[in-house]
Amino acid sequence: TRTLKQVTIESAAEADRIFSMLMGDEVAPRREFIESHAKYARIDV
């Protein structure tokens, strides 16, 4: 079963910056972001 949720963006510029960083070629900034925000992830393992 899949659930579709609507997400609102408060700052399009900030969302674009983060998206570009996460999808970019540089590993270090992506890794740092993931490590610093991992505690907020809700995963079902």
PDB file of N, CA and C in Angstrom:
ATOM      1  N   THR A   1       0.841  -1.174   0.000  1.00  0.00           N
ATOM      2  CA  THR A   1       0.000   0.000   0.000  1.00  0.00           C
ATOM      3  C   THR A   1       0.888   1.239   0.000  1.00  0.00           C
ATOM      4  N   ARG A   2       0.526   2.210  -0.801  1.00  0.00           N
ATOM      5  CA  ARG A   2       1.273   3.466  -0.866  1.00  0.00           C
ATOM      6  C   ARG A   2       0.378   4.608  -0.431  1.00  0.00           C
ATOM      7  N   THR A   3       0.991   5.590   0.169  1.00  0.00           N
ATOM      8  CA  THR A   3       0.269   6.767   0.621  1.00  0.00           C
ATOM      9  C   THR A   3       0.860   7.992  -0.048  1.00  0.00           C
ATOM     10  N   LEU A   4       0.016   8.834  -0.578  1.00  0.00           N
ATOM     11  CA  LEU A   4       0.449  10.075  -1.212  1.00  0.00           C
ATOM     12  C   LEU A   4       0.213  11.213  -0.233  1.00  0.00           C
ATOM     13  N   LYS A   5       1.283  11.971   0.064  1.00  0.00           N
ATOM     14  CA  LYS A   5       1.161  13.091   0.990  1.00  0.00           C
ATOM     15  C   LYS A   5       1.542  14.374   0.277  1.00  0.00           C
ATOM     16  N   GLN A   6       0.824  15.429   0.570  1.00  0.00           N
ATOM     17  CA  GLN A   6       1.129  16.731  -0.012  1.00  0.00           C
ATOM     18  C   GLN A   6       2.182  17.414   0.854  1.00  0.00           C
ATOM     19  N   VAL A   7       3.201  17.941   0.204  1.00  0.00           N
ATOM     20  CA  VAL A   7       4.279  18.631   0.894  1.00  0.00           C
ATOM     21  C   VAL A   7       4.292  20.072   0.430  1.00  0.00           C
ATOM     22  N   THR A   8       4.413  20.991   1.366  1.00  0.00           N
ATOM     23  CA  THR A   8       4.506  22.401   0.995  1.00  0.00           C
ATOM     24  C   THR A   8       5.938  22.874   1.220  1.00  0.00           C
ATOM     25  N   ILE A   9       6.384  23.786   0.384  1.00  0.00           N
ATOM     26  CA  ILE A   9       7.746  24.297   0.453  1.00  0.00           C
ATOM     27  C   ILE A   9       7.692  25.744   0.926  1.00  0.00           C
ATOM     28  N   GLU A  10       8.350  26.019   2.050  1.00  0.00           N
ATOM     29  CA  GLU A  10       8.365  27.381   2.572  1.00  0.00           C
ATOM     30  C   GLU A  10       9.329  28.259   1.782  1.00  0.00           C
ATOM     31  N   SER A  11      10.482  27.707   1.401  1.00  0.00           N
ATOM     32  CA  SER A  11      11.481  28.478   0.677  1.00  0.00           C
ATOM     33  C   SER A  11      11.927  27.692  -0.550  1.00  0.00           C
ATOM     34  N   ALA A  12      11.473  28.110  -1.712  1.00  0.00           N
ATOM     35  CA  ALA A  12      11.829  27.412  -2.947  1.00  0.00           C
ATOM     36  C   ALA A  12      13.329  27.474  -3.195  1.00  0.00           C
ATOM     37  N   ALA A  13      13.962  28.586  -2.867  1.00  0.00           N
ATOM     38  CA  ALA A  13      15.404  28.728  -3.084  1.00  0.00           C
ATOM     39  C   ALA A  13      16.183  27.752  -2.209  1.00  0.00           C
ATOM     40  N   GLU A  14      15.783  27.609  -0.946  1.00  0.00           N
ATOM     41  CA  GLU A  14      16.455  26.681  -0.038  1.00  0.00           C
ATOM     42  C   GLU A  14      16.219  25.237  -0.479  1.00  0.00           C
ATOM     43  N   ALA A  15      15.011  24.917  -0.901  1.00  0.00           N
ATOM     44  CA  ALA A  15      14.707  23.572  -1.388  1.00  0.00           C
ATOM     45  C   ALA A  15      15.543  23.249  -2.621  1.00  0.00           C
ATOM     46  N   ASP A  16      15.693  24.214  -3.516  1.00  0.00           N
ATOM     47  CA  ASP A  16      16.504  24.014  -4.718  1.00  0.00           C
ATOM     48  C   ASP A  16      17.962  23.783  -4.357  1.00  0.00           C
ATOM     49  N   ARG A  17      18.476  24.543  -3.388  1.00  0.00           N
ATOM     50  CA  ARG A  17      19.869  24.392  -2.964  1.00  0.00           C
ATOM     51  C   ARG A  17      20.111  22.997  -2.388  1.00  0.00           C
ATOM     52  N   ILE A  18      19.217  22.542  -1.529  1.00  0.00           N
ATOM     53  CA  ILE A  18      19.374  21.227  -0.908  1.00  0.00           C
ATOM     54  C   ILE A  18      19.223  20.121  -1.945  1.00  0.00           C
ATOM     55  N   PHE A  19      18.243  20.236  -2.815  1.00  0.00           N
ATOM     56  CA  PHE A  19      18.031  19.225  -3.852  1.00  0.00           C
ATOM     57  C   PHE A  19      19.257  19.125  -4.758  1.00  0.00           C
ATOM     58  N   SER A  20      19.794  20.266  -5.164  1.00  0.00           N
ATOM     59  CA  SER A  20      20.983  20.277  -6.026  1.00  0.00           C
ATOM     60  C   SER A  20      22.175  19.648  -5.320  1.00  0.00           C
ATOM     61  N   MET A  21      22.324  19.926  -4.031  1.00  0.00           N
ATOM     62  CA  MET A  21      23.426  19.352  -3.271  1.00  0.00           C
ATOM     63  C   MET A  21      23.274  17.836  -3.154  1.00  0.00           C
ATOM     64  N   LEU A  22      22.051  17.365  -2.880  1.00  0.00           N
ATOM     65  CA  LEU A  22      21.830  15.930  -2.722  1.00  0.00           C
ATOM     66  C   LEU A  22      21.975  15.166  -4.038  1.00  0.00           C
ATOM     67  N   MET A  23      21.669  15.805  -5.154  1.00  0.00           N
ATOM     68  CA  MET A  23      21.751  15.143  -6.452  1.00  0.00           C
ATOM     69  C   MET A  23      23.056  15.443  -7.184  1.00  0.00           C
ATOM     70  N   GLY A  24      23.920  16.256  -6.582  1.00  0.00           N
ATOM     71  CA  GLY A  24      25.150  16.687  -7.238  1.00  0.00           C
ATOM     72  C   GLY A  24      26.247  15.633  -7.227  1.00  0.00           C
ATOM     73  N   ASP A  25      27.381  16.010  -7.812  1.00  0.00           N
ATOM     74  CA  ASP A  25      28.525  15.105  -7.941  1.00  0.00           C
ATOM     75  C   ASP A  25      29.402  15.057  -6.693  1.00  0.00           C
ATOM     76  N   GLU A  26      29.338  16.083  -5.853  1.00  0.00           N
ATOM     77  CA  GLU A  26      30.203  16.141  -4.680  1.00  0.00           C
ATOM     78  C   GLU A  26      29.626  15.292  -3.544  1.00  0.00           C
ATOM     79  N   VAL A  27      30.442  14.359  -3.068  1.00  0.00           N
ATOM     80  CA  VAL A  27      29.990  13.419  -2.043  1.00  0.00           C
ATOM     81  C   VAL A  27      30.021  14.030  -0.643  1.00  0.00           C
ATOM     82  N   ALA A  28      31.054  14.790  -0.324  1.00  0.00           N
ATOM     83  CA  ALA A  28      31.242  15.300   1.042  1.00  0.00           C
ATOM     84  C   ALA A  28      30.044  16.098   1.564  1.00  0.00           C
ATOM     85  N   PRO A  29      29.516  17.082   0.809  1.00  0.00           N
ATOM     86  CA  PRO A  29      28.366  17.829   1.338  1.00  0.00           C
ATOM     87  C   PRO A  29      27.124  16.953   1.513  1.00  0.00           C
ATOM     88  N   ARG A  30      26.928  16.011   0.590  1.00  0.00           N
ATOM     89  CA  ARG A  30      25.771  15.108   0.675  1.00  0.00           C
ATOM     90  C   ARG A  30      25.886  14.224   1.914  1.00  0.00           C
ATOM     91  N   ARG A  31      27.074  13.674   2.149  1.00  0.00           N
ATOM     92  CA  ARG A  31      27.295  12.811   3.306  1.00  0.00           C
ATOM     93  C   ARG A  31      27.090  13.579   4.614  1.00  0.00           C
ATOM     94  N   GLU A  32      27.620  14.799   4.667  1.00  0.00           N
ATOM     95  CA  GLU A  32      27.467  15.629   5.861  1.00  0.00           C
ATOM     96  C   GLU A  32      25.988  15.929   6.130  1.00  0.00           C
ATOM     97  N   PHE A  33      25.240  16.241   5.071  1.00  0.00           N
ATOM     98  CA  PHE A  33      23.812  16.522   5.213  1.00  0.00           C
ATOM     99  C   PHE A  33      23.075  15.288   5.734  1.00  0.00           C
ATOM    100  N   ILE A  34      23.355  14.144   5.147  1.00  0.00           N
ATOM    101  CA  ILE A  34      22.679  12.905   5.550  1.00  0.00           C
ATOM    102  C   ILE A  34      23.007  12.560   7.000  1.00  0.00           C
ATOM    103  N   GLU A  35      24.283  12.671   7.365  1.00  0.00           N
ATOM    104  CA  GLU A  35      24.674  12.337   8.732  1.00  0.00           C
ATOM    105  C   GLU A  35      24.052  13.287   9.757  1.00  0.00           C
ATOM    106  N   SER A  36      23.960  14.562   9.420  1.00  0.00           N
ATOM    107  CA  SER A  36      23.416  15.521  10.382  1.00  0.00           C
ATOM    108  C   SER A  36      21.894  15.483  10.460  1.00  0.00           C
ATOM    109  N   HIS A  37      21.223  14.944   9.430  1.00  0.00           N
ATOM    110  CA  HIS A  37      19.759  14.903   9.431  1.00  0.00           C
ATOM    111  C   HIS A  37      19.191  13.488   9.575  1.00  0.00           C
ATOM    112  N   ALA A  38      20.041  12.490   9.738  1.00  0.00           N
ATOM    113  CA  ALA A  38      19.587  11.096   9.819  1.00  0.00           C
ATOM    114  C   ALA A  38      18.662  10.859  11.009  1.00  0.00           C
ATOM    115  N   LYS A  39      18.870  11.601  12.081  1.00  0.00           N
ATOM    116  CA  LYS A  39      18.051  11.393  13.282  1.00  0.00           C
ATOM    117  C   LYS A  39      16.589  11.771  13.063  1.00  0.00           C
ATOM    118  N   TYR A  40      16.309  12.537  12.010  1.00  0.00           N
ATOM    119  CA  TYR A  40      14.938  12.958  11.722  1.00  0.00           C
ATOM    120  C   TYR A  40      14.208  11.993  10.785  1.00  0.00           C
ATOM    121  N   ALA A  41      14.925  11.035  10.219  1.00  0.00           N
ATOM    122  CA  ALA A  41      14.327  10.098   9.264  1.00  0.00           C
ATOM    123  C   ALA A  41      13.481   9.065  10.005  1.00  0.00           C
ATOM    124  N   ARG A  42      12.337   8.774   9.442  1.00  0.00           N
ATOM    125  CA  ARG A  42      11.491   7.708   9.975  1.00  0.00           C
ATOM    126  C   ARG A  42      11.542   6.567   8.968  1.00  0.00           C
ATOM    127  N   ILE A  43      12.306   5.540   9.295  1.00  0.00           N
ATOM    128  CA  ILE A  43      12.432   4.412   8.373  1.00  0.00           C
ATOM    129  C   ILE A  43      11.856   3.158   9.025  1.00  0.00           C
ATOM    130  N   ASP A  44      11.323   2.306   8.206  1.00  0.00           N
ATOM    131  CA  ASP A  44      10.749   1.051   8.669  1.00  0.00           C
ATOM    132  C   ASP A  44      11.646  -0.066   8.162  1.00  0.00           C
ATOM    133  N   VAL A  45      12.470  -0.583   9.055  1.00  0.00           N
ATOM    134  CA  VAL A  45      13.426  -1.617   8.655  1.00  0.00           C
ATOM    135  C   VAL A  45      13.043  -2.944   9.240  1.00  0.00           C
TER     136      VAL A  45
END
